Amino acid sequence: MRRLILLIAALCLALPAAAQQAADPDADLTVARPAYRAGTGPRLMIDGGHHNFHTLDGRFAPFAAVVRNDGFVVEAGDGPLTAEALAGVKVLVISNALNGANVQEWRLPTPSAFTPEEIAVVKAWVEQGGGLLLIADHMPFAGAAQDLAAAFGFRFSNGFAQRNTPGRPDIFTREAGSLKADVVTEGRDPGEAISQVRTFTGSAFEAPARARPILVFPAGYRSREPDVAWEFSDQTPEHDIEGQLQGAVLTVGKGRVAVFGEAAMFTAQLAGPKRTPMGFNAPDAPRNRQLMLNIVHWLAGLLPAA
């Protein structure tokens, strides 16, 4: 009975965020010290051609506005990922892509959002100097990104990364060791250093040995993997994810890859009927926006590779 109560409590906490999410029109999108003069930075493409839950003109509009205010030239990708489409692009952002089969039904199976040809193109583009930010949230998004992630040695758990005891926010800190020291958490100077980051459920993944961890799950978390998103029971498969990751970076050939298992942390949304802040607009996520900028700077080559 106690286990059932905990499962119901977790579901009640999660449902408002899943039921309705929209970009926050009042979020702070300013950048104190832009990396480039307006419109003179590298081209950054936000994928919108794979049934993405987060797109440039939708739930990732705050992300797009912040990087545009940082000087990047931001554009939407609205078709297949081809060599021609990526020509001249420095940073590619893919957030919560889906296979068409899962657009209306978030249930198993969750086939790849990307064709083998697209995956080969993206890998070659990274190896030649591109910077990829791949974000895959909880099921079904983690499953849809699995094949693309695997091309770089990452393996997603196609589930929901949740605390064993619900009710507390997911906060990663330097002090606790769940947020790691790295060039992307140090930034260009001490004013850009990150000591705390909040995420909003998402997924967990394992990384290749060469990758550098950024967000590491502490004890007390598990991945719950239902057949249908948000539908949990005592029979729902789950496993412990202590030590698994929700963020990591990797150099690949001449290029760079950043993989994260949660998308809301990099944008500013209002969730549920109470329009609860969810993202870098949340009161307990004051450094999320700076981490987002640091990651984009790293992918563009403004920060050292390691």
C-alpha atoms as a PDB file:
ATOM      1  CA  MET A   1       0.000   0.000   0.000  1.00  0.00           C
ATOM      2  CA  ARG A   2       2.834   2.409   0.867  1.00  0.00           C
ATOM      3  CA  ARG A   3       4.447   1.729  -2.499  1.00  0.00           C
ATOM      4  CA  LEU A   4       1.153   2.382  -4.280  1.00  0.00           C
ATOM      5  CA  ILE A   5       0.739   5.691  -2.445  1.00  0.00           C
ATOM      6  CA  LEU A   6       4.245   6.756  -3.508  1.00  0.00           C
ATOM      7  CA  LEU A   7       3.523   5.826  -7.110  1.00  0.00           C
ATOM      8  CA  ILE A   8       0.299   7.845  -7.121  1.00  0.00           C
ATOM      9  CA  ALA A   9       2.076  10.796  -5.513  1.00  0.00           C
ATOM     10  CA  ALA A  10       4.797  10.732  -8.150  1.00  0.00           C
ATOM     11  CA  LEU A  11       2.214  10.634 -10.916  1.00  0.00           C
ATOM     12  CA  CYS A  12       0.287  13.556  -9.440  1.00  0.00           C
ATOM     13  CA  LEU A  13       3.458  15.611  -9.250  1.00  0.00           C
ATOM     14  CA  ALA A  14       4.426  14.855 -12.826  1.00  0.00           C
ATOM     15  CA  LEU A  15       1.089  15.178 -14.610  1.00  0.00           C
ATOM     16  CA  PRO A  16       0.746  18.999 -14.478  1.00  0.00           C
ATOM     17  CA  ALA A  17       4.078  19.376 -16.286  1.00  0.00           C
ATOM     18  CA  ALA A  18       3.142  16.829 -18.920  1.00  0.00           C
ATOM     19  CA  ALA A  19      -0.428  18.000 -19.467  1.00  0.00           C
ATOM     20  CA  GLN A  20       0.362  21.433 -20.878  1.00  0.00           C
ATOM     21  CA  GLN A  21       3.622  23.242 -21.475  1.00  0.00           C
ATOM     22  CA  ALA A  22       4.041  26.552 -23.261  1.00  0.00           C
ATOM     23  CA  ALA A  23       6.879  29.045 -23.623  1.00  0.00           C
ATOM     24  CA  ASP A  24       6.908  31.672 -20.873  1.00  0.00           C
ATOM     25  CA  PRO A  25       6.362  35.070 -22.573  1.00  0.00           C
ATOM     26  CA  ASP A  26       7.701  36.936 -19.538  1.00  0.00           C
ATOM     27  CA  ALA A  27      10.945  35.002 -19.015  1.00  0.00           C
ATOM     28  CA  ASP A  28      14.209  36.910 -18.685  1.00  0.00           C
ATOM     29  CA  LEU A  29      15.989  36.317 -21.998  1.00  0.00           C
ATOM     30  CA  THR A  30      18.782  38.853 -21.623  1.00  0.00           C
ATOM     31  CA  VAL A  31      22.476  38.077 -21.917  1.00  0.00           C
ATOM     32  CA  ALA A  32      24.734  40.237 -19.765  1.00  0.00           C
ATOM     33  CA  ARG A  33      27.878  39.748 -21.835  1.00  0.00           C
ATOM     34  CA  PRO A  34      27.114  38.522 -25.368  1.00  0.00           C
ATOM     35  CA  ALA A  35      29.755  36.394 -27.029  1.00  0.00           C
ATOM     36  CA  TYR A  36      29.242  38.111 -30.399  1.00  0.00           C
ATOM     37  CA  ARG A  37      27.813  41.342 -31.743  1.00  0.00           C
ATOM     38  CA  ALA A  38      24.172  40.904 -32.699  1.00  0.00           C
ATOM     39  CA  GLY A  39      23.783  38.676 -35.742  1.00  0.00           C
ATOM     40  CA  THR A  40      27.520  38.133 -36.271  1.00  0.00           C
ATOM     41  CA  GLY A  41      27.996  34.812 -34.478  1.00  0.00           C
ATOM     42  CA  PRO A  42      28.009  31.277 -35.890  1.00  0.00           C
ATOM     43  CA  ARG A  43      24.889  29.678 -37.354  1.00  0.00           C
ATOM     44  CA  LEU A  44      22.914  27.625 -34.857  1.00  0.00           C
ATOM     45  CA  MET A  45      20.156  25.365 -36.144  1.00  0.00           C
ATOM     46  CA  ILE A  46      17.311  24.064 -33.965  1.00  0.00           C
ATOM     47  CA  ASP A  47      15.861  20.890 -35.433  1.00  0.00           C
ATOM     48  CA  GLY A  48      12.167  21.036 -36.205  1.00  0.00           C
ATOM     49  CA  GLY A  49      11.919  18.367 -38.869  1.00  0.00           C
ATOM     50  CA  HIS A  50      11.403  15.315 -36.668  1.00  0.00           C
ATOM     51  CA  HIS A  51       8.088  15.885 -34.876  1.00  0.00           C
ATOM     52  CA  ASN A  52      10.054  17.671 -32.137  1.00  0.00           C
ATOM     53  CA  PHE A  53       8.257  18.491 -28.900  1.00  0.00           C
ATOM     54  CA  HIS A  54      10.571  21.516 -28.574  1.00  0.00           C
ATOM     55  CA  THR A  55      10.988  23.768 -31.613  1.00  0.00           C
ATOM     56  CA  LEU A  56      12.334  27.250 -32.344  1.00  0.00           C
ATOM     57  CA  ASP A  57       8.889  28.829 -32.603  1.00  0.00           C
ATOM     58  CA  GLY A  58       7.345  26.730 -29.837  1.00  0.00           C
ATOM     59  CA  ARG A  59       8.523  25.518 -26.446  1.00  0.00           C
ATOM     60  CA  PHE A  60      12.187  26.211 -27.275  1.00  0.00           C
ATOM     61  CA  ALA A  61      11.537  29.836 -28.279  1.00  0.00           C
ATOM     62  CA  PRO A  62      13.143  31.082 -25.017  1.00  0.00           C
ATOM     63  CA  PHE A  63      16.278  29.008 -25.748  1.00  0.00           C
ATOM     64  CA  ALA A  64      16.378  30.496 -29.256  1.00  0.00           C
ATOM     65  CA  ALA A  65      15.937  34.033 -27.943  1.00  0.00           C
ATOM     66  CA  VAL A  66      18.755  33.722 -25.423  1.00  0.00           C
ATOM     67  CA  VAL A  67      21.298  32.359 -27.917  1.00  0.00           C
ATOM     68  CA  ARG A  68      20.186  34.968 -30.456  1.00  0.00           C
ATOM     69  CA  ASN A  69      20.784  37.648 -27.816  1.00  0.00           C
ATOM     70  CA  ASP A  70      24.228  36.093 -27.374  1.00  0.00           C
ATOM     71  CA  GLY A  71      24.939  36.954 -31.020  1.00  0.00           C
ATOM     72  CA  PHE A  72      24.323  33.602 -32.717  1.00  0.00           C
ATOM     73  CA  VAL A  73      22.454  33.456 -36.002  1.00  0.00           C
ATOM     74  CA  VAL A  74      19.548  31.151 -35.126  1.00  0.00           C
ATOM     75  CA  GLU A  75      17.519  29.233 -37.679  1.00  0.00           C
ATOM     76  CA  ALA A  76      15.050  26.355 -37.775  1.00  0.00           C
ATOM     77  CA  GLY A  77      15.693  23.062 -39.497  1.00  0.00           C
ATOM     78  CA  ASP A  78      12.434  21.835 -40.967  1.00  0.00           C
ATOM     79  CA  GLY A  79      13.478  18.851 -43.038  1.00  0.00           C
ATOM     80  CA  PRO A  80      15.756  15.813 -43.103  1.00  0.00           C
ATOM     81  CA  LEU A  81      19.288  16.137 -41.773  1.00  0.00           C
ATOM     82  CA  THR A  82      21.399  16.132 -44.903  1.00  0.00           C
ATOM     83  CA  ALA A  83      24.901  17.327 -45.682  1.00  0.00           C
ATOM     84  CA  GLU A  84      23.370  20.207 -47.627  1.00  0.00           C
ATOM     85  CA  ALA A  85      21.107  21.221 -44.737  1.00  0.00           C
ATOM     86  CA  LEU A  86      24.052  21.250 -42.301  1.00  0.00           C
ATOM     87  CA  ALA A  87      26.487  23.059 -44.593  1.00  0.00           C
ATOM     88  CA  GLY A  88      27.673  26.195 -42.821  1.00  0.00           C
ATOM     89  CA  VAL A  89      25.945  25.299 -39.530  1.00  0.00           C
ATOM     90  CA  LYS A  90      28.239  25.344 -36.490  1.00  0.00           C
ATOM     91  CA  VAL A  91      25.844  24.153 -33.769  1.00  0.00           C
ATOM     92  CA  LEU A  92      22.931  21.746 -34.249  1.00  0.00           C
ATOM     93  CA  VAL A  93      20.359  21.486 -31.442  1.00  0.00           C
ATOM     94  CA  ILE A  94      18.035  18.476 -31.418  1.00  0.00           C
ATOM     95  CA  SER A  95      15.492  18.529 -28.604  1.00  0.00           C
ATOM     96  CA  ASN A  96      12.928  15.780 -28.073  1.00  0.00           C
ATOM     97  CA  ALA A  97      12.546  14.409 -31.569  1.00  0.00           C
ATOM     98  CA  LEU A  98       9.936  11.715 -32.221  1.00  0.00           C
ATOM     99  CA  ASN A  99       9.147   9.114 -34.805  1.00  0.00           C
ATOM    100  CA  GLY A 100       5.849   9.869 -36.522  1.00  0.00           C
ATOM    101  CA  ALA A 101       4.362   6.711 -35.017  1.00  0.00           C
ATOM    102  CA  ASN A 102       4.566   8.242 -31.529  1.00  0.00           C
ATOM    103  CA  VAL A 103       3.251  11.737 -32.180  1.00  0.00           C
ATOM    104  CA  GLN A 104      -0.277  10.866 -31.061  1.00  0.00           C
ATOM    105  CA  GLU A 105       0.584   7.922 -28.816  1.00  0.00           C
ATOM    106  CA  TRP A 106       3.413   8.043 -26.298  1.00  0.00           C
ATOM    107  CA  ARG A 107       3.674   4.284 -25.931  1.00  0.00           C
ATOM    108  CA  LEU A 108       6.016   1.451 -26.803  1.00  0.00           C
ATOM    109  CA  PRO A 109       7.491   0.759 -29.257  1.00  0.00           C
ATOM    110  CA  THR A 110       9.446   4.007 -29.713  1.00  0.00           C
ATOM    111  CA  PRO A 111      11.267   3.683 -33.047  1.00  0.00           C
ATOM    112  CA  SER A 112      14.072   6.009 -34.067  1.00  0.00           C
ATOM    113  CA  ALA A 113      13.216   9.558 -35.032  1.00  0.00           C
ATOM    114  CA  PHE A 114      16.129   9.486 -37.475  1.00  0.00           C
ATOM    115  CA  THR A 115      16.948   7.374 -40.499  1.00  0.00           C
ATOM    116  CA  PRO A 116      20.277   5.530 -40.723  1.00  0.00           C
ATOM    117  CA  GLU A 117      21.250   7.961 -43.485  1.00  0.00           C
ATOM    118  CA  GLU A 118      20.584  10.989 -41.272  1.00  0.00           C
ATOM    119  CA  ILE A 119      22.570   9.471 -38.412  1.00  0.00           C
ATOM    120  CA  ALA A 120      25.535   8.878 -40.717  1.00  0.00           C
ATOM    121  CA  VAL A 121      25.340  12.479 -41.967  1.00  0.00           C
ATOM    122  CA  VAL A 122      25.217  13.950 -38.449  1.00  0.00           C
ATOM    123  CA  LYS A 123      28.125  11.808 -37.263  1.00  0.00           C
ATOM    124  CA  ALA A 124      30.275  12.807 -40.241  1.00  0.00           C
ATOM    125  CA  TRP A 125      29.320  16.473 -39.740  1.00  0.00           C
ATOM    126  CA  VAL A 126      30.415  16.337 -36.083  1.00  0.00           C
ATOM    127  CA  GLU A 127      33.665  14.585 -36.941  1.00  0.00           C
ATOM    128  CA  GLN A 128      34.433  17.386 -39.387  1.00  0.00           C
ATOM    129  CA  GLY A 129      33.962  20.102 -36.744  1.00  0.00           C
ATOM    130  CA  GLY A 130      30.260  20.455 -35.978  1.00  0.00           C
ATOM    131  CA  GLY A 131      28.827  20.869 -32.494  1.00  0.00           C
ATOM    132  CA  LEU A 132      25.777  18.746 -31.585  1.00  0.00           C
ATOM    133  CA  LEU A 133      23.508  19.322 -28.593  1.00  0.00           C
ATOM    134  CA  LEU A 134      21.326  16.229 -28.339  1.00  0.00           C
ATOM    135  CA  ILE A 135      18.529  16.362 -25.769  1.00  0.00           C
ATOM    136  CA  ALA A 136      16.236  13.403 -25.128  1.00  0.00           C
ATOM    137  CA  ASP A 137      13.725  13.667 -22.316  1.00  0.00           C
ATOM    138  CA  HIS A 138      11.743  10.875 -20.654  1.00  0.00           C
ATOM    139  CA  MET A 139      10.072   8.106 -22.657  1.00  0.00           C
ATOM    140  CA  PRO A 140       9.199   8.183 -25.585  1.00  0.00           C
ATOM    141  CA  PHE A 141      11.854  10.778 -26.457  1.00  0.00           C
ATOM    142  CA  ALA A 142      14.773   8.760 -25.085  1.00  0.00           C
ATOM    143  CA  GLY A 143      13.782   5.791 -27.228  1.00  0.00           C
ATOM    144  CA  ALA A 144      13.422   7.953 -30.319  1.00  0.00           C
ATOM    145  CA  ALA A 145      16.955   9.332 -29.849  1.00  0.00           C
ATOM    146  CA  GLN A 146      18.539   6.000 -29.000  1.00  0.00           C
ATOM    147  CA  ASP A 147      20.013   5.214 -32.419  1.00  0.00           C
ATOM    148  CA  LEU A 148      21.504   8.683 -32.907  1.00  0.00           C
ATOM    149  CA  ALA A 149      22.946   8.669 -29.388  1.00  0.00           C
ATOM    150  CA  ALA A 150      24.402   5.193 -29.916  1.00  0.00           C
ATOM    151  CA  ALA A 151      26.356   6.440 -32.931  1.00  0.00           C
ATOM    152  CA  PHE A 152      28.436   8.433 -30.425  1.00  0.00           C
ATOM    153  CA  GLY A 153      28.548   5.691 -27.774  1.00  0.00           C
ATOM    154  CA  PHE A 154      25.696   6.864 -25.505  1.00  0.00           C
ATOM    155  CA  ARG A 155      22.889   4.588 -24.288  1.00  0.00           C
ATOM    156  CA  PHE A 156      19.613   6.042 -23.018  1.00  0.00           C
ATOM    157  CA  SER A 157      17.254   4.390 -20.571  1.00  0.00           C
ATOM    158  CA  ASN A 158      13.850   4.773 -22.210  1.00  0.00           C
ATOM    159  CA  GLY A 159      12.064   5.721 -19.008  1.00  0.00           C
ATOM    160  CA  PHE A 160      11.455   8.408 -16.403  1.00  0.00           C
ATOM    161  CA  ALA A 161      14.338   9.381 -14.099  1.00  0.00           C
ATOM    162  CA  GLN A 162      12.667   9.898 -10.731  1.00  0.00           C
ATOM    163  CA  ARG A 163      13.475  10.019  -7.048  1.00  0.00           C
ATOM    164  CA  ASN A 164      12.601   6.945  -5.015  1.00  0.00           C
ATOM    165  CA  THR A 165      10.771   9.323  -2.685  1.00  0.00           C
ATOM    166  CA  PRO A 166       8.958  12.032  -4.659  1.00  0.00           C
ATOM    167  CA  GLY A 167       8.305  15.580  -3.609  1.00  0.00           C
ATOM    168  CA  ARG A 168      11.701  17.266  -3.856  1.00  0.00           C
ATOM    169  CA  PRO A 169      13.097  19.080  -6.900  1.00  0.00           C
ATOM    170  CA  ASP A 170      15.942  17.525  -8.890  1.00  0.00           C
ATOM    171  CA  ILE A 171      18.904  19.761  -8.093  1.00  0.00           C
ATOM    172  CA  PHE A 172      22.499  18.910  -9.001  1.00  0.00           C
ATOM    173  CA  THR A 173      25.262  20.719  -7.079  1.00  0.00           C
ATOM    174  CA  ARG A 174      29.025  20.969  -6.997  1.00  0.00           C
ATOM    175  CA  GLU A 175      28.889  20.545  -3.218  1.00  0.00           C
ATOM    176  CA  ALA A 176      27.123  17.188  -3.474  1.00  0.00           C
ATOM    177  CA  GLY A 177      29.288  16.028  -6.383  1.00  0.00           C
ATOM    178  CA  SER A 178      26.331  15.557  -8.723  1.00  0.00           C
ATOM    179  CA  LEU A 179      27.404  18.583 -10.815  1.00  0.00           C
ATOM    180  CA  LYS A 180      30.947  18.076 -12.075  1.00  0.00           C
ATOM    181  CA  ALA A 181      33.729  20.585 -12.622  1.00  0.00           C
ATOM    182  CA  ASP A 182      34.392  21.029 -16.338  1.00  0.00           C
ATOM    183  CA  VAL A 183      35.054  23.791 -18.842  1.00  0.00           C
ATOM    184  CA  VAL A 184      31.291  23.939 -19.490  1.00  0.00           C
ATOM    185  CA  THR A 185      30.559  24.475 -15.796  1.00  0.00           C
ATOM    186  CA  GLU A 186      33.411  26.988 -15.409  1.00  0.00           C
ATOM    187  CA  GLY A 187      32.616  29.186 -18.418  1.00  0.00           C
ATOM    188  CA  ARG A 188      34.828  31.999 -19.672  1.00  0.00           C
ATOM    189  CA  ASP A 189      35.472  33.509 -16.237  1.00  0.00           C
ATOM    190  CA  PRO A 190      34.387  33.097 -12.579  1.00  0.00           C
ATOM    191  CA  GLY A 191      31.188  35.013 -13.260  1.00  0.00           C
ATOM    192  CA  GLU A 192      30.036  32.211 -15.564  1.00  0.00           C
ATOM    193  CA  ALA A 193      30.828  29.352 -13.175  1.00  0.00           C
ATOM    194  CA  ILE A 194      27.934  27.057 -12.285  1.00  0.00           C
ATOM    195  CA  SER A 195      27.444  25.647  -8.785  1.00  0.00           C
ATOM    196  CA  GLN A 196      23.828  24.431  -9.041  1.00  0.00           C
ATOM    197  CA  VAL A 197      21.466  23.241 -11.782  1.00  0.00           C
ATOM    198  CA  ARG A 198      17.878  22.074 -11.650  1.00  0.00           C
ATOM    199  CA  THR A 199      16.313  19.542 -14.019  1.00  0.00           C
ATOM    200  CA  PHE A 200      12.687  18.460 -14.431  1.00  0.00           C
ATOM    201  CA  THR A 201      12.397  14.629 -14.491  1.00  0.00           C
ATOM    202  CA  GLY A 202      13.833  13.582 -17.882  1.00  0.00           C
ATOM    203  CA  SER A 203      15.824  10.437 -18.584  1.00  0.00           C
ATOM    204  CA  ALA A 204      19.119   8.829 -17.599  1.00  0.00           C
ATOM    205  CA  PHE A 205      21.880   7.527 -19.846  1.00  0.00           C
ATOM    206  CA  GLU A 206      25.248   5.822 -19.870  1.00  0.00           C
ATOM    207  CA  ALA A 207      28.179   7.390 -21.692  1.00  0.00           C
ATOM    208  CA  PRO A 208      31.330   6.097 -23.377  1.00  0.00           C
ATOM    209  CA  ALA A 209      34.489   6.082 -21.298  1.00  0.00           C
ATOM    210  CA  ARG A 210      35.918   9.114 -23.129  1.00  0.00           C
ATOM    211  CA  ALA A 211      32.917  11.299 -22.301  1.00  0.00           C
ATOM    212  CA  ARG A 212      33.080  13.783 -19.437  1.00  0.00           C
ATOM    213  CA  PRO A 213      30.163  13.666 -16.984  1.00  0.00           C
ATOM    214  CA  ILE A 214      28.361  16.920 -16.167  1.00  0.00           C
ATOM    215  CA  LEU A 215      25.207  15.819 -14.303  1.00  0.00           C
ATOM    216  CA  VAL A 216      25.436  12.578 -12.302  1.00  0.00           C
ATOM    217  CA  PHE A 217      22.503  10.960 -10.532  1.00  0.00           C
ATOM    218  CA  PRO A 218      23.179  10.458  -6.816  1.00  0.00           C
ATOM    219  CA  ALA A 219      21.751   7.630  -4.726  1.00  0.00           C
ATOM    220  CA  GLY A 220      17.985   7.548  -4.459  1.00  0.00           C
ATOM    221  CA  TYR A 221      16.997   7.655  -8.145  1.00  0.00           C
ATOM    222  CA  ARG A 222      15.607   5.034 -10.486  1.00  0.00           C
ATOM    223  CA  SER A 223      14.443   4.844 -14.093  1.00  0.00           C
ATOM    224  CA  ARG A 224      10.819   3.720 -14.354  1.00  0.00           C
ATOM    225  CA  GLU A 225       9.979   2.399 -17.815  1.00  0.00           C
ATOM    226  CA  PRO A 226       6.257   2.099 -18.555  1.00  0.00           C
ATOM    227  CA  ASP A 227       4.624   0.867 -21.755  1.00  0.00           C
ATOM    228  CA  VAL A 228       2.664   4.137 -21.932  1.00  0.00           C
ATOM    229  CA  ALA A 229       4.086   7.485 -20.806  1.00  0.00           C
ATOM    230  CA  TRP A 230       3.009   8.496 -17.292  1.00  0.00           C
ATOM    231  CA  GLU A 231       1.111   5.241 -16.693  1.00  0.00           C
ATOM    232  CA  PHE A 232       2.819   3.491 -13.773  1.00  0.00           C
ATOM    233  CA  SER A 233       1.913   0.459 -11.676  1.00  0.00           C
ATOM    234  CA  ASP A 234       3.581  -2.060  -9.387  1.00  0.00           C
ATOM    235  CA  GLN A 235       4.494  -4.036 -12.518  1.00  0.00           C
ATOM    236  CA  THR A 236       6.282  -1.143 -14.246  1.00  0.00           C
ATOM    237  CA  PRO A 237       9.922  -2.145 -14.866  1.00  0.00           C
ATOM    238  CA  GLU A 238      12.442   0.004 -13.051  1.00  0.00           C
ATOM    239  CA  HIS A 239      16.120  -0.001 -12.167  1.00  0.00           C
ATOM    240  CA  ASP A 240      18.515   1.981 -10.018  1.00  0.00           C
ATOM    241  CA  ILE A 241      20.374   4.765 -11.850  1.00  0.00           C
ATOM    242  CA  GLU A 242      22.836   5.930  -9.213  1.00  0.00           C
ATOM    243  CA  GLY A 243      25.979   6.968 -11.083  1.00  0.00           C
ATOM    244  CA  GLN A 244      24.223   7.237 -14.444  1.00  0.00           C
ATOM    245  CA  LEU A 245      24.143  10.597 -16.183  1.00  0.00           C
ATOM    246  CA  GLN A 246      21.733  13.327 -17.186  1.00  0.00           C
ATOM    247  CA  GLY A 247      24.425  15.405 -18.862  1.00  0.00           C
ATOM    248  CA  ALA A 248      27.803  14.736 -20.512  1.00  0.00           C
ATOM    249  CA  VAL A 249      30.138  16.130 -23.180  1.00  0.00           C
ATOM    250  CA  LEU A 250      32.429  14.395 -25.649  1.00  0.00           C
ATOM    251  CA  THR A 251      34.912  15.437 -28.317  1.00  0.00           C
ATOM    252  CA  VAL A 252      34.495  13.491 -31.567  1.00  0.00           C
ATOM    253  CA  GLY A 253      37.096  14.003 -34.270  1.00  0.00           C
ATOM    254  CA  LYS A 254      37.265  17.763 -34.881  1.00  0.00           C
ATOM    255  CA  GLY A 255      33.815  18.289 -33.373  1.00  0.00           C
ATOM    256  CA  ARG A 256      31.978  18.150 -30.076  1.00  0.00           C
ATOM    257  CA  VAL A 257      28.838  16.535 -28.683  1.00  0.00           C
ATOM    258  CA  ALA A 258      26.816  17.469 -25.599  1.00  0.00           C
ATOM    259  CA  VAL A 259      24.120  15.012 -24.523  1.00  0.00           C
ATOM    260  CA  PHE A 260      21.443  15.802 -21.939  1.00  0.00           C
ATOM    261  CA  GLY A 261      18.499  13.775 -20.717  1.00  0.00           C
ATOM    262  CA  GLU A 262      16.206  16.704 -19.949  1.00  0.00           C
ATOM    263  CA  ALA A 263      14.943  19.557 -22.110  1.00  0.00           C
ATOM    264  CA  ALA A 264      12.969  21.930 -19.883  1.00  0.00           C
ATOM    265  CA  MET A 265      16.119  22.988 -18.038  1.00  0.00           C
ATOM    266  CA  PHE A 266      17.318  24.801 -21.185  1.00  0.00           C
ATOM    267  CA  THR A 267      14.173  26.788 -21.871  1.00  0.00           C
ATOM    268  CA  ALA A 268      11.491  28.691 -19.948  1.00  0.00           C
ATOM    269  CA  GLN A 269       8.007  27.213 -19.879  1.00  0.00           C
ATOM    270  CA  LEU A 270       4.756  27.510 -17.984  1.00  0.00           C
ATOM    271  CA  ALA A 271       3.348  24.107 -17.111  1.00  0.00           C
ATOM    272  CA  GLY A 272      -0.084  22.880 -16.167  1.00  0.00           C
ATOM    273  CA  PRO A 273      -3.263  24.735 -15.238  1.00  0.00           C
ATOM    274  CA  LYS A 274      -1.408  26.762 -12.584  1.00  0.00           C
ATOM    275  CA  ARG A 275       1.169  27.871 -15.192  1.00  0.00           C
ATOM    276  CA  THR A 276       4.038  26.817 -12.960  1.00  0.00           C
ATOM    277  CA  PRO A 277       7.490  28.061 -14.068  1.00  0.00           C
ATOM    278  CA  MET A 278       9.424  25.134 -15.523  1.00  0.00           C
ATOM    279  CA  GLY A 279      12.935  25.754 -16.780  1.00  0.00           C
ATOM    280  CA  PHE A 280      15.436  28.558 -16.311  1.00  0.00           C
ATOM    281  CA  ASN A 281      12.479  30.730 -15.255  1.00  0.00           C
ATOM    282  CA  ALA A 282      11.968  28.592 -12.119  1.00  0.00           C
ATOM    283  CA  PRO A 283      13.031  30.295  -8.840  1.00  0.00           C
ATOM    284  CA  ASP A 284      15.352  27.419  -7.922  1.00  0.00           C
ATOM    285  CA  ALA A 285      17.068  27.308 -11.349  1.00  0.00           C
ATOM    286  CA  PRO A 286      18.956  30.638 -11.390  1.00  0.00           C
ATOM    287  CA  ARG A 287      22.065  29.214 -13.117  1.00  0.00           C
ATOM    288  CA  ASN A 288      20.409  27.032 -15.743  1.00  0.00           C
ATOM    289  CA  ARG A 289      20.460  29.805 -18.343  1.00  0.00           C
ATOM    290  CA  GLN A 290      24.194  30.352 -17.862  1.00  0.00           C
ATOM    291  CA  LEU A 291      24.904  26.634 -18.157  1.00  0.00           C
ATOM    292  CA  MET A 292      22.946  26.641 -21.405  1.00  0.00           C
ATOM    293  CA  LEU A 293      25.113  29.464 -22.734  1.00  0.00           C
ATOM    294  CA  ASN A 294      28.300  27.764 -21.561  1.00  0.00           C
ATOM    295  CA  ILE A 295      27.351  24.577 -23.413  1.00  0.00           C
ATOM    296  CA  VAL A 296      26.587  26.461 -26.625  1.00  0.00           C
ATOM    297  CA  HIS A 297      29.863  28.363 -26.271  1.00  0.00           C
ATOM    298  CA  TRP A 298      31.728  25.066 -25.861  1.00  0.00           C
ATOM    299  CA  LEU A 299      30.028  23.535 -28.889  1.00  0.00           C
ATOM    300  CA  ALA A 300      30.905  26.608 -30.973  1.00  0.00           C
ATOM    301  CA  GLY A 301      34.558  26.438 -29.909  1.00  0.00           C
ATOM    302  CA  LEU A 302      34.620  29.500 -27.645  1.00  0.00           C
ATOM    303  CA  LEU A 303      35.723  27.329 -24.707  1.00  0.00           C
ATOM    304  CA  PRO A 304      38.617  24.859 -24.721  1.00  0.00           C
ATOM    305  CA  ALA A 305      37.801  21.314 -25.783  1.00  0.00           C
ATOM    306  CA  ALA A 306      38.693  20.022 -22.306  1.00  0.00           C
END
